[in-house]
Amino acid sequence: MRKPDEIRRLVAAQLDQPLDSLPDALPIREAVVDSFALVELVIRLQEETGLQINGDDMRRVESVGDLISVFVDDQHSCRDSAGT
């Protein structure tokens, strides 16, 4: 499982933004230019972490912190690429 700081670094790198410009409370729609960019970001995070994210979890993502939580919180419906 990845740590929140690792996921934040991946997000910052994918969005080509400095880490300090992506606080947890920042609405995801302000961090990502459009829905296509958000899809690309999630795909990249899935590739980097080996996790597959449930669509229900993604619908609840409203902020950068929410997105990070989806990839680090065991309570979400993430599964590794092996299906477990």
PDB file of N, CA and C in Angstrom:
ATOM      1  N   MET A   1       0.833  -1.180   0.000  1.00  0.00           N
ATOM      2  CA  MET A   1       0.000   0.000   0.000  1.00  0.00           C
ATOM      3  C   MET A   1       0.882   1.250   0.000  1.00  0.00           C
ATOM      4  N   ARG A   2       0.485   2.211  -0.772  1.00  0.00           N
ATOM      5  CA  ARG A   2       1.234   3.465  -0.867  1.00  0.00           C
ATOM      6  C   ARG A   2       0.856   4.405   0.267  1.00  0.00           C
ATOM      7  N   LYS A   3       1.782   5.278   0.589  1.00  0.00           N
ATOM      8  CA  LYS A   3       1.543   6.302   1.598  1.00  0.00           C
ATOM      9  C   LYS A   3       0.959   7.540   0.923  1.00  0.00           C
ATOM     10  N   PRO A   4       0.225   8.361   1.672  1.00  0.00           N
ATOM     11  CA  PRO A   4      -0.384   9.561   1.094  1.00  0.00           C
ATOM     12  C   PRO A   4       0.621  10.471   0.388  1.00  0.00           C
ATOM     13  N   ASP A   5       1.806  10.641   0.958  1.00  0.00           N
ATOM     14  CA  ASP A   5       2.801  11.518   0.332  1.00  0.00           C
ATOM     15  C   ASP A   5       3.249  10.985  -1.033  1.00  0.00           C
ATOM     16  N   GLU A   6       3.324   9.660  -1.159  1.00  0.00           N
ATOM     17  CA  GLU A   6       3.709   9.069  -2.443  1.00  0.00           C
ATOM     18  C   GLU A   6       2.637   9.335  -3.498  1.00  0.00           C
ATOM     19  N   ILE A   7       1.383   9.166  -3.110  1.00  0.00           N
ATOM     20  CA  ILE A   7       0.280   9.411  -4.039  1.00  0.00           C
ATOM     21  C   ILE A   7       0.247  10.884  -4.419  1.00  0.00           C
ATOM     22  N   ARG A   8       0.447  11.770  -3.455  1.00  0.00           N
ATOM     23  CA  ARG A   8       0.449  13.212  -3.742  1.00  0.00           C
ATOM     24  C   ARG A   8       1.559  13.555  -4.746  1.00  0.00           C
ATOM     25  N   ARG A   9       2.739  12.936  -4.579  1.00  0.00           N
ATOM     26  CA  ARG A   9       3.837  13.179  -5.533  1.00  0.00           C
ATOM     27  C   ARG A   9       3.463  12.698  -6.940  1.00  0.00           C
ATOM     28  N   LEU A  10       2.802  11.559  -7.020  1.00  0.00           N
ATOM     29  CA  LEU A  10       2.364  11.057  -8.322  1.00  0.00           C
ATOM     30  C   LEU A  10       1.344  12.004  -8.957  1.00  0.00           C
ATOM     31  N   VAL A  11       0.411  12.497  -8.146  1.00  0.00           N
ATOM     32  CA  VAL A  11      -0.596  13.433  -8.644  1.00  0.00           C
ATOM     33  C   VAL A  11       0.083  14.704  -9.145  1.00  0.00           C
ATOM     34  N   ALA A  12       0.980  15.251  -8.347  1.00  0.00           N
ATOM     35  CA  ALA A  12       1.681  16.485  -8.719  1.00  0.00           C
ATOM     36  C   ALA A  12       2.470  16.290 -10.011  1.00  0.00           C
ATOM     37  N   ALA A  13       3.139  15.157 -10.137  1.00  0.00           N
ATOM     38  CA  ALA A  13       3.926  14.894 -11.338  1.00  0.00           C
ATOM     39  C   ALA A  13       3.020  14.774 -12.563  1.00  0.00           C
ATOM     40  N   GLN A  14       1.917  14.061 -12.431  1.00  0.00           N
ATOM     41  CA  GLN A  14       1.005  13.874 -13.560  1.00  0.00           C
ATOM     42  C   GLN A  14       0.380  15.204 -13.985  1.00  0.00           C
ATOM     43  N   LEU A  15       0.085  16.063 -13.011  1.00  0.00           N
ATOM     44  CA  LEU A  15      -0.543  17.351 -13.319  1.00  0.00           C
ATOM     45  C   LEU A  15       0.482  18.442 -13.601  1.00  0.00           C
ATOM     46  N   ASP A  16       1.763  18.091 -13.458  1.00  0.00           N
ATOM     47  CA  ASP A  16       2.848  19.045 -13.667  1.00  0.00           C
ATOM     48  C   ASP A  16       2.655  20.280 -12.776  1.00  0.00           C
ATOM     49  N   GLN A  17       2.392  20.004 -11.488  1.00  0.00           N
ATOM     50  CA  GLN A  17       2.155  21.050 -10.495  1.00  0.00           C
ATOM     51  C   GLN A  17       3.081  20.835  -9.304  1.00  0.00           C
ATOM     52  N   PRO A  18       3.485  21.921  -8.621  1.00  0.00           N
ATOM     53  CA  PRO A  18       4.267  21.745  -7.397  1.00  0.00           C
ATOM     54  C   PRO A  18       3.398  21.135  -6.291  1.00  0.00           C
ATOM     55  N   LEU A  19       4.021  20.373  -5.428  1.00  0.00           N
ATOM     56  CA  LEU A  19       3.288  19.714  -4.338  1.00  0.00           C
ATOM     57  C   LEU A  19       2.464  20.691  -3.506  1.00  0.00           C
ATOM     58  N   ASP A  20       3.040  21.843  -3.206  1.00  0.00           N
ATOM     59  CA  ASP A  20       2.341  22.779  -2.319  1.00  0.00           C
ATOM     60  C   ASP A  20       1.133  23.444  -2.981  1.00  0.00           C
ATOM     61  N   SER A  21       0.928  23.214  -4.270  1.00  0.00           N
ATOM     62  CA  SER A  21      -0.250  23.770  -4.941  1.00  0.00           C
ATOM     63  C   SER A  21      -1.423  22.798  -4.923  1.00  0.00           C
ATOM     64  N   LEU A  22      -1.246  21.645  -4.263  1.00  0.00           N
ATOM     65  CA  LEU A  22      -2.278  20.612  -4.233  1.00  0.00           C
ATOM     66  C   LEU A  22      -2.650  20.217  -2.801  1.00  0.00           C
ATOM     67  N   PRO A  23      -3.180  21.167  -2.009  1.00  0.00           N
ATOM     68  CA  PRO A  23      -3.589  20.822  -0.648  1.00  0.00           C
ATOM     69  C   PRO A  23      -4.790  19.867  -0.668  1.00  0.00           C
ATOM     70  N   ASP A  24      -4.979  19.133   0.402  1.00  0.00           N
ATOM     71  CA  ASP A  24      -6.087  18.174   0.488  1.00  0.00           C
ATOM     72  C   ASP A  24      -7.435  18.809   0.189  1.00  0.00           C
ATOM     73  N   ALA A  25      -7.658  20.029   0.639  1.00  0.00           N
ATOM     74  CA  ALA A  25      -8.966  20.668   0.508  1.00  0.00           C
ATOM     75  C   ALA A  25      -9.249  21.224  -0.893  1.00  0.00           C
ATOM     76  N   LEU A  26      -8.247  21.235  -1.763  1.00  0.00           N
ATOM     77  CA  LEU A  26      -8.443  21.784  -3.104  1.00  0.00           C
ATOM     78  C   LEU A  26      -9.460  20.933  -3.868  1.00  0.00           C
ATOM     79  N   PRO A  27     -10.535  21.555  -4.360  1.00  0.00           N
ATOM     80  CA  PRO A  27     -11.505  20.789  -5.153  1.00  0.00           C
ATOM     81  C   PRO A  27     -10.821  20.153  -6.362  1.00  0.00           C
ATOM     82  N   ILE A  28     -11.163  18.915  -6.622  1.00  0.00           N
ATOM     83  CA  ILE A  28     -10.505  18.179  -7.702  1.00  0.00           C
ATOM     84  C   ILE A  28     -10.731  18.868  -9.040  1.00  0.00           C
ATOM     85  N   ARG A  29     -11.858  19.522  -9.222  1.00  0.00           N
ATOM     86  CA  ARG A  29     -12.154  20.218 -10.481  1.00  0.00           C
ATOM     87  C   ARG A  29     -11.284  21.456 -10.672  1.00  0.00           C
ATOM     88  N   GLU A  30     -10.710  21.973  -9.600  1.00  0.00           N
ATOM     89  CA  GLU A  30      -9.765  23.084  -9.722  1.00  0.00           C
ATOM     90  C   GLU A  30      -8.351  22.569  -9.994  1.00  0.00           C
ATOM     91  N   ALA A  31      -8.072  21.357  -9.562  1.00  0.00           N
ATOM     92  CA  ALA A  31      -6.738  20.781  -9.749  1.00  0.00           C
ATOM     93  C   ALA A  31      -6.575  20.198 -11.152  1.00  0.00           C
ATOM     94  N   VAL A  32      -7.674  19.717 -11.709  1.00  0.00           N
ATOM     95  CA  VAL A  32      -7.643  19.034 -12.999  1.00  0.00           C
ATOM     96  C   VAL A  32      -8.448  19.853 -14.006  1.00  0.00           C
ATOM     97  N   VAL A  33      -7.875  20.083 -15.170  1.00  0.00           N
ATOM     98  CA  VAL A  33      -8.487  20.976 -16.154  1.00  0.00           C
ATOM     99  C   VAL A  33      -9.844  20.505 -16.663  1.00  0.00           C
ATOM    100  N   ASP A  34      -9.975  19.223 -16.929  1.00  0.00           N
ATOM    101  CA  ASP A  34     -11.236  18.707 -17.460  1.00  0.00           C
ATOM    102  C   ASP A  34     -11.384  17.230 -17.084  1.00  0.00           C
ATOM    103  N   SER A  35     -12.522  16.660 -17.418  1.00  0.00           N
ATOM    104  CA  SER A  35     -12.783  15.273 -17.033  1.00  0.00           C
ATOM    105  C   SER A  35     -11.836  14.287 -17.716  1.00  0.00           C
ATOM    106  N   PHE A  36     -11.404  14.603 -18.934  1.00  0.00           N
ATOM    107  CA  PHE A  36     -10.445  13.735 -19.616  1.00  0.00           C
ATOM    108  C   PHE A  36      -9.125  13.683 -18.846  1.00  0.00           C
ATOM    109  N   ALA A  37      -8.670  14.841 -18.376  1.00  0.00           N
ATOM    110  CA  ALA A  37      -7.428  14.887 -17.595  1.00  0.00           C
ATOM    111  C   ALA A  37      -7.585  14.112 -16.290  1.00  0.00           C
ATOM    112  N   LEU A  38      -8.771  14.151 -15.699  1.00  0.00           N
ATOM    113  CA  LEU A  38      -9.013  13.391 -14.468  1.00  0.00           C
ATOM    114  C   LEU A  38      -8.947  11.896 -14.749  1.00  0.00           C
ATOM    115  N   VAL A  39      -9.528  11.476 -15.850  1.00  0.00           N
ATOM    116  CA  VAL A  39      -9.469  10.055 -16.227  1.00  0.00           C
ATOM    117  C   VAL A  39      -8.019   9.636 -16.444  1.00  0.00           C
ATOM    118  N   GLU A  40      -7.253  10.459 -17.155  1.00  0.00           N
ATOM    119  CA  GLU A  40      -5.832  10.149 -17.363  1.00  0.00           C
ATOM    120  C   GLU A  40      -5.086  10.039 -16.033  1.00  0.00           C
ATOM    121  N   LEU A  41      -5.391  10.956 -15.104  1.00  0.00           N
ATOM    122  CA  LEU A  41      -4.744  10.937 -13.796  1.00  0.00           C
ATOM    123  C   LEU A  41      -5.067   9.645 -13.058  1.00  0.00           C
ATOM    124  N   VAL A  42      -6.321   9.256 -13.037  1.00  0.00           N
ATOM    125  CA  VAL A  42      -6.721   8.042 -12.324  1.00  0.00           C
ATOM    126  C   VAL A  42      -6.086   6.806 -12.971  1.00  0.00           C
ATOM    127  N   ILE A  43      -6.060   6.764 -14.282  1.00  0.00           N
ATOM    128  CA  ILE A  43      -5.418   5.635 -14.969  1.00  0.00           C
ATOM    129  C   ILE A  43      -3.947   5.562 -14.591  1.00  0.00           C
ATOM    130  N   ARG A  44      -3.281   6.692 -14.584  1.00  0.00           N
ATOM    131  CA  ARG A  44      -1.855   6.724 -14.214  1.00  0.00           C
ATOM    132  C   ARG A  44      -1.650   6.248 -12.774  1.00  0.00           C
ATOM    133  N   LEU A  45      -2.507   6.713 -11.866  1.00  0.00           N
ATOM    134  CA  LEU A  45      -2.397   6.285 -10.464  1.00  0.00           C
ATOM    135  C   LEU A  45      -2.648   4.780 -10.341  1.00  0.00           C
ATOM    136  N   GLN A  46      -3.602   4.275 -11.092  1.00  0.00           N
ATOM    137  CA  GLN A  46      -3.872   2.830 -11.067  1.00  0.00           C
ATOM    138  C   GLN A  46      -2.663   2.052 -11.578  1.00  0.00           C
ATOM    139  N   GLU A  47      -2.055   2.536 -12.649  1.00  0.00           N
ATOM    140  CA  GLU A  47      -0.864   1.874 -13.187  1.00  0.00           C
ATOM    141  C   GLU A  47       0.282   1.893 -12.184  1.00  0.00           C
ATOM    142  N   GLU A  48       0.489   3.033 -11.554  1.00  0.00           N
ATOM    143  CA  GLU A  48       1.607   3.182 -10.613  1.00  0.00           C
ATOM    144  C   GLU A  48       1.410   2.386  -9.330  1.00  0.00           C
ATOM    145  N   THR A  49       0.155   2.264  -8.882  1.00  0.00           N
ATOM    146  CA  THR A  49      -0.106   1.585  -7.610  1.00  0.00           C
ATOM    147  C   THR A  49      -0.481   0.118  -7.781  1.00  0.00           C
ATOM    148  N   GLY A  50      -0.887  -0.258  -8.998  1.00  0.00           N
ATOM    149  CA  GLY A  50      -1.352  -1.622  -9.212  1.00  0.00           C
ATOM    150  C   GLY A  50      -2.753  -1.854  -8.683  1.00  0.00           C
ATOM    151  N   LEU A  51      -3.480  -0.781  -8.380  1.00  0.00           N
ATOM    152  CA  LEU A  51      -4.838  -0.885  -7.854  1.00  0.00           C
ATOM    153  C   LEU A  51      -5.850  -0.529  -8.927  1.00  0.00           C
ATOM    154  N   GLN A  52      -7.011  -1.156  -8.862  1.00  0.00           N
ATOM    155  CA  GLN A  52      -8.143  -0.810  -9.714  1.00  0.00           C
ATOM    156  C   GLN A  52      -9.183  -0.143  -8.817  1.00  0.00           C
ATOM    157  N   ILE A  53      -9.649   1.017  -9.222  1.00  0.00           N
ATOM    158  CA  ILE A  53     -10.551   1.803  -8.390  1.00  0.00           C
ATOM    159  C   ILE A  53     -11.993   1.582  -8.818  1.00  0.00           C
ATOM    160  N   ASN A  54     -12.839   1.357  -7.844  1.00  0.00           N
ATOM    161  CA  ASN A  54     -14.261   1.191  -8.047  1.00  0.00           C
ATOM    162  C   ASN A  54     -14.874   2.527  -8.477  1.00  0.00           C
ATOM    163  N   GLY A  55     -15.766   2.508  -9.444  1.00  0.00           N
ATOM    164  CA  GLY A  55     -16.424   3.723  -9.924  1.00  0.00           C
ATOM    165  C   GLY A  55     -17.185   4.455  -8.839  1.00  0.00           C
ATOM    166  N   ASP A  56     -17.776   3.723  -7.895  1.00  0.00           N
ATOM    167  CA  ASP A  56     -18.492   4.371  -6.791  1.00  0.00           C
ATOM    168  C   ASP A  56     -17.545   5.218  -5.950  1.00  0.00           C
ATOM    169  N   ASP A  57     -16.341   4.720  -5.722  1.00  0.00           N
ATOM    170  CA  ASP A  57     -15.362   5.491  -4.957  1.00  0.00           C
ATOM    171  C   ASP A  57     -14.990   6.766  -5.698  1.00  0.00           C
ATOM    172  N   MET A  58     -14.825   6.674  -7.004  1.00  0.00           N
ATOM    173  CA  MET A  58     -14.441   7.860  -7.785  1.00  0.00           C
ATOM    174  C   MET A  58     -15.550   8.898  -7.808  1.00  0.00           C
ATOM    175  N   ARG A  59     -16.797   8.471  -7.787  1.00  0.00           N
ATOM    176  CA  ARG A  59     -17.907   9.436  -7.774  1.00  0.00           C
ATOM    177  C   ARG A  59     -17.929  10.256  -6.495  1.00  0.00           C
ATOM    178  N   ARG A  60     -17.344   9.741  -5.436  1.00  0.00           N
ATOM    179  CA  ARG A  60     -17.302  10.461  -4.156  1.00  0.00           C
ATOM    180  C   ARG A  60     -16.113  11.426  -4.060  1.00  0.00           C
ATOM    181  N   VAL A  61     -15.201  11.378  -5.017  1.00  0.00           N
ATOM    182  CA  VAL A  61     -14.009  12.229  -4.970  1.00  0.00           C
ATOM    183  C   VAL A  61     -14.395  13.669  -5.300  1.00  0.00           C
ATOM    184  N   GLU A  62     -14.208  14.538  -4.317  1.00  0.00           N
ATOM    185  CA  GLU A  62     -14.499  15.953  -4.511  1.00  0.00           C
ATOM    186  C   GLU A  62     -13.261  16.821  -4.343  1.00  0.00           C
ATOM    187  N   SER A  63     -12.221  16.285  -3.721  1.00  0.00           N
ATOM    188  CA  SER A  63     -11.020  17.082  -3.454  1.00  0.00           C
ATOM    189  C   SER A  63      -9.769  16.246  -3.714  1.00  0.00           C
ATOM    190  N   VAL A  64      -8.645  16.923  -3.716  1.00  0.00           N
ATOM    191  CA  VAL A  64      -7.364  16.230  -3.870  1.00  0.00           C
ATOM    192  C   VAL A  64      -7.192  15.212  -2.737  1.00  0.00           C
ATOM    193  N   GLY A  65      -7.547  15.601  -1.530  1.00  0.00           N
ATOM    194  CA  GLY A  65      -7.445  14.689  -0.384  1.00  0.00           C
ATOM    195  C   GLY A  65      -8.304  13.450  -0.554  1.00  0.00           C
ATOM    196  N   ASP A  66      -9.514  13.625  -1.117  1.00  0.00           N
ATOM    197  CA  ASP A  66     -10.387  12.477  -1.381  1.00  0.00           C
ATOM    198  C   ASP A  66      -9.730  11.515  -2.365  1.00  0.00           C
ATOM    199  N   LEU A  67      -9.139  12.069  -3.412  1.00  0.00           N
ATOM    200  CA  LEU A  67      -8.485  11.232  -4.416  1.00  0.00           C
ATOM    201  C   LEU A  67      -7.338  10.440  -3.799  1.00  0.00           C
ATOM    202  N   ILE A  68      -6.539  11.105  -3.001  1.00  0.00           N
ATOM    203  CA  ILE A  68      -5.420  10.430  -2.339  1.00  0.00           C
ATOM    204  C   ILE A  68      -5.937   9.320  -1.429  1.00  0.00           C
ATOM    205  N   SER A  69      -7.005   9.613  -0.688  1.00  0.00           N
ATOM    206  CA  SER A  69      -7.578   8.623   0.232  1.00  0.00           C
ATOM    207  C   SER A  69      -8.033   7.361  -0.481  1.00  0.00           C
ATOM    208  N   VAL A  70      -8.586   7.510  -1.682  1.00  0.00           N
ATOM    209  CA  VAL A  70      -9.055   6.350  -2.435  1.00  0.00           C
ATOM    210  C   VAL A  70      -7.916   5.359  -2.660  1.00  0.00           C
ATOM    211  N   PHE A  71      -6.702   5.886  -2.841  1.00  0.00           N
ATOM    212  CA  PHE A  71      -5.571   5.011  -3.142  1.00  0.00           C
ATOM    213  C   PHE A  71      -4.810   4.542  -1.902  1.00  0.00           C
ATOM    214  N   VAL A  72      -5.142   5.042  -0.724  1.00  0.00           N
ATOM    215  CA  VAL A  72      -4.413   4.607   0.462  1.00  0.00           C
ATOM    216  C   VAL A  72      -5.311   3.994   1.539  1.00  0.00           C
ATOM    217  N   ASP A  73      -6.607   4.169   1.440  1.00  0.00           N
ATOM    218  CA  ASP A  73      -7.522   3.741   2.489  1.00  0.00           C
ATOM    219  C   ASP A  73      -8.075   2.357   2.177  1.00  0.00           C
ATOM    220  N   ASP A  74      -7.841   1.399   3.066  1.00  0.00           N
ATOM    221  CA  ASP A  74      -8.310   0.024   2.881  1.00  0.00           C
ATOM    222  C   ASP A  74      -9.830  -0.079   2.860  1.00  0.00           C
ATOM    223  N   GLN A  75     -10.536   0.920   3.349  1.00  0.00           N
ATOM    224  CA  GLN A  75     -11.989   0.860   3.394  1.00  0.00           C
ATOM    225  C   GLN A  75     -12.617   1.067   2.024  1.00  0.00           C
ATOM    226  N   HIS A  76     -11.849   1.583   1.077  1.00  0.00           N
ATOM    227  CA  HIS A  76     -12.382   1.782  -0.259  1.00  0.00           C
ATOM    228  C   HIS A  76     -12.347   0.466  -1.026  1.00  0.00           C
ATOM    229  N   SER A  77     -12.969   0.459  -2.167  1.00  0.00           N
ATOM    230  CA  SER A  77     -13.134  -0.770  -2.955  1.00  0.00           C
ATOM    231  C   SER A  77     -11.986  -1.039  -3.904  1.00  0.00           C
ATOM    232  N   CYS A  78     -10.796  -0.605  -3.550  1.00  0.00           N
ATOM    233  CA  CYS A  78      -9.626  -0.840  -4.402  1.00  0.00           C
ATOM    234  C   CYS A  78      -9.284  -2.321  -4.405  1.00  0.00           C
ATOM    235  N   ARG A  79      -8.855  -2.774  -5.556  1.00  0.00           N
ATOM    236  CA  ARG A  79      -8.332  -4.125  -5.659  1.00  0.00           C
ATOM    237  C   ARG A  79      -7.023  -4.051  -6.400  1.00  0.00           C
ATOM    238  N   ASP A  80      -6.096  -4.928  -6.030  1.00  0.00           N
ATOM    239  CA  ASP A  80      -4.842  -4.926  -6.769  1.00  0.00           C
ATOM    240  C   ASP A  80      -5.091  -5.550  -8.136  1.00  0.00           C
ATOM    241  N   SER A  81      -4.123  -5.423  -9.001  1.00  0.00           N
ATOM    242  CA  SER A  81      -4.303  -5.890 -10.378  1.00  0.00           C
ATOM    243  C   SER A  81      -4.493  -7.397 -10.472  1.00  0.00           C
ATOM    244  N   ALA A  82      -4.206  -8.113  -9.394  1.00  0.00           N
ATOM    245  CA  ALA A  82      -4.442  -9.560  -9.374  1.00  0.00           C
ATOM    246  C   ALA A  82      -5.889  -9.880  -9.016  1.00  0.00           C
ATOM    247  N   GLY A  83      -6.681  -8.814  -8.660  1.00  0.00           N
ATOM    248  CA  GLY A  83      -8.087  -9.021  -8.360  1.00  0.00           C
ATOM    249  C   GLY A  83      -8.389  -9.276  -6.915  1.00  0.00           C
ATOM    250  N   THR A  84      -7.426  -9.025  -6.031  1.00  0.00           N
ATOM    251  CA  THR A  84      -7.672  -9.279  -4.605  1.00  0.00           C
ATOM    252  C   THR A  84      -7.963  -8.006  -3.860  1.00  0.00           C
TER     253      THR A  84
END
